[in-house]
Amino acid sequence: MVEREQVIEIVVSAGAVLGMLAAMIVVGSTYGTDNGTLTPAGGQMLIAVIVGFILLLTAIGIGLAYVLNDPEDGLETDGDGDDAQGTF
């Protein structure tokens, strides 16, 4: 059986990919020409969509890591501050 955390990751990731595909379809249909190419403005919009997708997935990854972190995993520090001896 798939764990709850995996289901959350799958749904969020699939939603982000579907959003990316929808945005690409909108850009293609809005800025496309009759011969199937994009206008220069459409190319810039497509680049903006790709950069936005990268930033969105970065934010989703950070958010999921924060939300799905279990205290018993041992991933957080114990707060004593002795781990970084001699560093600035």
N, C-alpha and C. Protein backbone atom coordinates (compact mmCIF):
# COMPACT_ATOMS: atom_id res chain seq x y z
N MET A 1 0.85 -1.18 0.00
CA MET A 1 0.00 0.00 0.00
C MET A 1 0.89 1.24 0.00
N VAL A 2 0.44 2.25 -0.71
CA VAL A 2 1.19 3.49 -0.81
C VAL A 2 0.95 4.31 0.46
N GLU A 3 2.02 4.85 1.00
CA GLU A 3 1.90 5.65 2.22
C GLU A 3 1.29 7.00 1.92
N ARG A 4 0.77 7.64 2.96
CA ARG A 4 0.10 8.93 2.84
C ARG A 4 1.03 9.98 2.25
N GLU A 5 2.27 10.01 2.70
CA GLU A 5 3.23 11.01 2.22
C GLU A 5 3.49 10.86 0.72
N GLN A 6 3.59 9.62 0.27
CA GLN A 6 3.82 9.38 -1.15
C GLN A 6 2.63 9.81 -2.00
N VAL A 7 1.43 9.59 -1.49
CA VAL A 7 0.24 10.03 -2.21
C VAL A 7 0.22 11.55 -2.33
N ILE A 8 0.57 12.25 -1.26
CA ILE A 8 0.63 13.71 -1.29
C ILE A 8 1.65 14.18 -2.31
N GLU A 9 2.84 13.59 -2.30
CA GLU A 9 3.88 13.97 -3.25
C GLU A 9 3.44 13.71 -4.69
N ILE A 10 2.80 12.59 -4.95
CA ILE A 10 2.36 12.25 -6.29
C ILE A 10 1.29 13.24 -6.78
N VAL A 11 0.32 13.53 -5.93
CA VAL A 11 -0.77 14.43 -6.32
C VAL A 11 -0.25 15.83 -6.58
N VAL A 12 0.61 16.33 -5.70
CA VAL A 12 1.13 17.69 -5.87
C VAL A 12 2.01 17.76 -7.12
N SER A 13 2.85 16.78 -7.33
CA SER A 13 3.72 16.79 -8.52
C SER A 13 2.91 16.66 -9.81
N ALA A 14 1.93 15.77 -9.82
CA ALA A 14 1.10 15.60 -11.01
C ALA A 14 0.30 16.88 -11.29
N GLY A 15 -0.17 17.54 -10.25
CA GLY A 15 -0.88 18.80 -10.43
C GLY A 15 0.02 19.87 -11.02
N ALA A 16 1.26 19.93 -10.57
CA ALA A 16 2.21 20.92 -11.11
C ALA A 16 2.51 20.64 -12.58
N VAL A 17 2.67 19.38 -12.92
CA VAL A 17 2.96 19.02 -14.33
C VAL A 17 1.75 19.33 -15.21
N LEU A 18 0.55 19.03 -14.73
CA LEU A 18 -0.64 19.35 -15.51
C LEU A 18 -0.80 20.86 -15.68
N GLY A 19 -0.46 21.62 -14.64
CA GLY A 19 -0.49 23.08 -14.75
C GLY A 19 0.51 23.58 -15.78
N MET A 20 1.67 22.97 -15.81
CA MET A 20 2.70 23.34 -16.80
C MET A 20 2.21 23.05 -18.22
N LEU A 21 1.65 21.88 -18.42
CA LEU A 21 1.14 21.53 -19.74
C LEU A 21 0.01 22.47 -20.16
N ALA A 22 -0.87 22.79 -19.23
CA ALA A 22 -1.96 23.72 -19.55
C ALA A 22 -1.43 25.09 -19.94
N ALA A 23 -0.43 25.57 -19.20
CA ALA A 23 0.16 26.88 -19.52
C ALA A 23 0.84 26.85 -20.88
N MET A 24 1.51 25.75 -21.20
CA MET A 24 2.15 25.65 -22.51
C MET A 24 1.13 25.61 -23.64
N ILE A 25 0.01 24.94 -23.41
CA ILE A 25 -1.05 24.89 -24.42
C ILE A 25 -1.66 26.28 -24.62
N VAL A 26 -1.87 27.00 -23.52
CA VAL A 26 -2.42 28.35 -23.64
C VAL A 26 -1.47 29.26 -24.40
N VAL A 27 -0.18 29.19 -24.09
CA VAL A 27 0.80 30.01 -24.81
C VAL A 27 0.84 29.63 -26.28
N GLY A 28 0.82 28.35 -26.57
CA GLY A 28 0.86 27.91 -27.96
C GLY A 28 -0.36 28.32 -28.75
N SER A 29 -1.52 28.25 -28.13
CA SER A 29 -2.74 28.62 -28.85
C SER A 29 -2.90 30.14 -28.95
N THR A 30 -2.39 30.87 -27.98
CA THR A 30 -2.52 32.32 -28.00
C THR A 30 -1.49 32.97 -28.91
N TYR A 31 -0.26 32.50 -28.86
CA TYR A 31 0.83 33.14 -29.60
C TYR A 31 1.28 32.34 -30.83
N GLY A 32 0.55 31.31 -31.19
CA GLY A 32 0.93 30.51 -32.35
C GLY A 32 0.52 31.17 -33.66
N THR A 33 1.26 30.85 -34.70
CA THR A 33 0.92 31.36 -36.03
C THR A 33 0.25 30.26 -36.84
N ASP A 34 -0.13 30.59 -38.05
CA ASP A 34 -0.84 29.61 -38.90
C ASP A 34 0.04 28.44 -39.31
N ASN A 35 1.35 28.66 -39.39
CA ASN A 35 2.24 27.57 -39.82
C ASN A 35 2.80 26.77 -38.65
N GLY A 36 2.29 27.00 -37.44
CA GLY A 36 2.67 26.17 -36.30
C GLY A 36 3.87 26.67 -35.51
N THR A 37 4.33 27.86 -35.77
CA THR A 37 5.45 28.40 -35.00
C THR A 37 4.95 29.45 -34.01
N LEU A 38 5.79 29.80 -33.09
CA LEU A 38 5.46 30.83 -32.10
C LEU A 38 5.97 32.19 -32.57
N THR A 39 5.26 33.22 -32.17
CA THR A 39 5.75 34.58 -32.41
C THR A 39 6.87 34.85 -31.41
N PRO A 40 7.66 35.89 -31.62
CA PRO A 40 8.71 36.22 -30.64
C PRO A 40 8.15 36.45 -29.23
N ALA A 41 7.00 37.09 -29.14
CA ALA A 41 6.38 37.28 -27.82
C ALA A 41 5.96 35.93 -27.22
N GLY A 42 5.51 35.02 -28.07
CA GLY A 42 5.15 33.69 -27.60
C GLY A 42 6.35 32.91 -27.09
N GLY A 43 7.49 33.09 -27.75
CA GLY A 43 8.72 32.45 -27.27
C GLY A 43 9.12 32.96 -25.91
N GLN A 44 8.98 34.27 -25.72
CA GLN A 44 9.30 34.84 -24.41
C GLN A 44 8.33 34.35 -23.34
N MET A 45 7.05 34.23 -23.70
CA MET A 45 6.07 33.71 -22.74
C MET A 45 6.36 32.25 -22.40
N LEU A 46 6.79 31.49 -23.38
CA LEU A 46 7.11 30.08 -23.13
C LEU A 46 8.30 29.96 -22.19
N ILE A 47 9.29 30.81 -22.37
CA ILE A 47 10.43 30.82 -21.46
C ILE A 47 9.98 31.21 -20.06
N ALA A 48 9.09 32.18 -19.96
CA ALA A 48 8.56 32.59 -18.65
C ALA A 48 7.80 31.44 -17.98
N VAL A 49 7.05 30.68 -18.77
CA VAL A 49 6.32 29.54 -18.22
C VAL A 49 7.30 28.48 -17.71
N ILE A 50 8.36 28.22 -18.45
CA ILE A 50 9.35 27.22 -18.03
C ILE A 50 10.06 27.66 -16.76
N VAL A 51 10.47 28.93 -16.70
CA VAL A 51 11.13 29.44 -15.49
C VAL A 51 10.17 29.41 -14.31
N GLY A 52 8.92 29.78 -14.55
CA GLY A 52 7.91 29.70 -13.48
C GLY A 52 7.71 28.28 -12.99
N PHE A 53 7.74 27.32 -13.90
CA PHE A 53 7.60 25.92 -13.52
C PHE A 53 8.77 25.46 -12.65
N ILE A 54 9.96 25.88 -13.00
CA ILE A 54 11.14 25.52 -12.20
C ILE A 54 11.03 26.12 -10.79
N LEU A 55 10.64 27.38 -10.72
CA LEU A 55 10.48 28.02 -9.41
C LEU A 55 9.34 27.39 -8.61
N LEU A 56 8.26 27.02 -9.29
CA LEU A 56 7.14 26.37 -8.62
C LEU A 56 7.56 25.03 -8.04
N LEU A 57 8.27 24.22 -8.81
CA LEU A 57 8.70 22.92 -8.30
C LEU A 57 9.71 23.06 -7.16
N THR A 58 10.53 24.09 -7.21
CA THR A 58 11.45 24.34 -6.10
C THR A 58 10.67 24.66 -4.83
N ALA A 59 9.68 25.54 -4.95
CA ALA A 59 8.86 25.89 -3.79
C ALA A 59 8.06 24.69 -3.28
N ILE A 60 7.55 23.89 -4.20
CA ILE A 60 6.81 22.69 -3.80
C ILE A 60 7.72 21.71 -3.07
N GLY A 61 8.93 21.53 -3.56
CA GLY A 61 9.87 20.62 -2.91
C GLY A 61 10.22 21.08 -1.51
N ILE A 62 10.49 22.36 -1.35
CA ILE A 62 10.80 22.90 -0.02
C ILE A 62 9.59 22.77 0.90
N GLY A 63 8.41 23.09 0.36
CA GLY A 63 7.20 22.98 1.17
C GLY A 63 6.91 21.56 1.60
N LEU A 64 7.05 20.61 0.68
CA LEU A 64 6.81 19.21 1.04
C LEU A 64 7.85 18.70 2.03
N ALA A 65 9.08 19.13 1.88
CA ALA A 65 10.11 18.70 2.83
C ALA A 65 9.80 19.23 4.23
N TYR A 66 9.27 20.44 4.29
CA TYR A 66 8.93 21.03 5.58
C TYR A 66 7.70 20.36 6.18
N VAL A 67 6.67 20.13 5.38
CA VAL A 67 5.41 19.58 5.88
C VAL A 67 5.53 18.10 6.21
N LEU A 68 6.25 17.35 5.39
CA LEU A 68 6.28 15.90 5.55
C LEU A 68 7.44 15.41 6.41
N ASN A 69 8.20 16.30 7.03
CA ASN A 69 9.32 15.91 7.87
C ASN A 69 8.80 15.39 9.21
N ASP A 70 9.12 14.16 9.52
CA ASP A 70 8.72 13.57 10.79
C ASP A 70 9.84 13.76 11.81
N PRO A 71 9.50 14.13 13.05
CA PRO A 71 10.55 14.34 14.06
C PRO A 71 11.37 13.09 14.35
N GLU A 72 10.79 11.92 14.22
CA GLU A 72 11.53 10.69 14.51
C GLU A 72 12.48 10.28 13.40
N ASP A 73 12.50 11.01 12.29
CA ASP A 73 13.45 10.72 11.22
C ASP A 73 14.87 11.13 11.59
N GLY A 74 15.02 12.02 12.54
CA GLY A 74 16.34 12.48 12.94
C GLY A 74 16.95 13.48 11.97
N LEU A 75 16.12 14.17 11.19
CA LEU A 75 16.63 15.09 10.19
C LEU A 75 16.86 16.49 10.75
N GLU A 76 16.26 16.82 11.87
CA GLU A 76 16.45 18.15 12.43
C GLU A 76 17.54 18.11 13.50
N THR A 77 18.07 19.28 13.80
CA THR A 77 19.13 19.35 14.79
C THR A 77 18.56 19.26 16.18
N ASP A 78 19.42 18.91 17.13
CA ASP A 78 18.98 18.81 18.51
C ASP A 78 19.11 20.14 19.25
N GLY A 79 19.63 21.16 18.60
CA GLY A 79 19.63 22.50 19.16
C GLY A 79 20.75 22.81 20.13
N ASP A 80 21.75 21.94 20.32
CA ASP A 80 22.80 22.24 21.29
C ASP A 80 23.90 23.10 20.67
N GLY A 81 24.00 23.19 19.36
CA GLY A 81 24.96 24.06 18.71
C GLY A 81 26.41 23.57 18.74
N ASP A 82 26.68 22.37 19.20
CA ASP A 82 28.03 21.86 19.26
C ASP A 82 28.49 21.18 17.97
N ASP A 83 27.62 21.08 16.99
CA ASP A 83 27.96 20.38 15.77
C ASP A 83 28.92 21.17 14.88
N ALA A 84 28.94 22.48 14.98
CA ALA A 84 29.75 23.31 14.08
C ALA A 84 30.90 23.94 14.86
N GLN A 85 31.70 23.13 15.48
CA GLN A 85 32.81 23.66 16.26
C GLN A 85 33.88 24.20 15.34
N GLY A 86 34.33 25.41 15.64
CA GLY A 86 35.43 26.00 14.89
C GLY A 86 35.03 26.59 13.55
N THR A 87 33.74 26.69 13.27
CA THR A 87 33.30 27.29 12.00
C THR A 87 32.66 28.63 12.28
N PHE A 88 32.61 29.45 11.26
CA PHE A 88 32.04 30.79 11.42
C PHE A 88 30.72 30.88 10.73
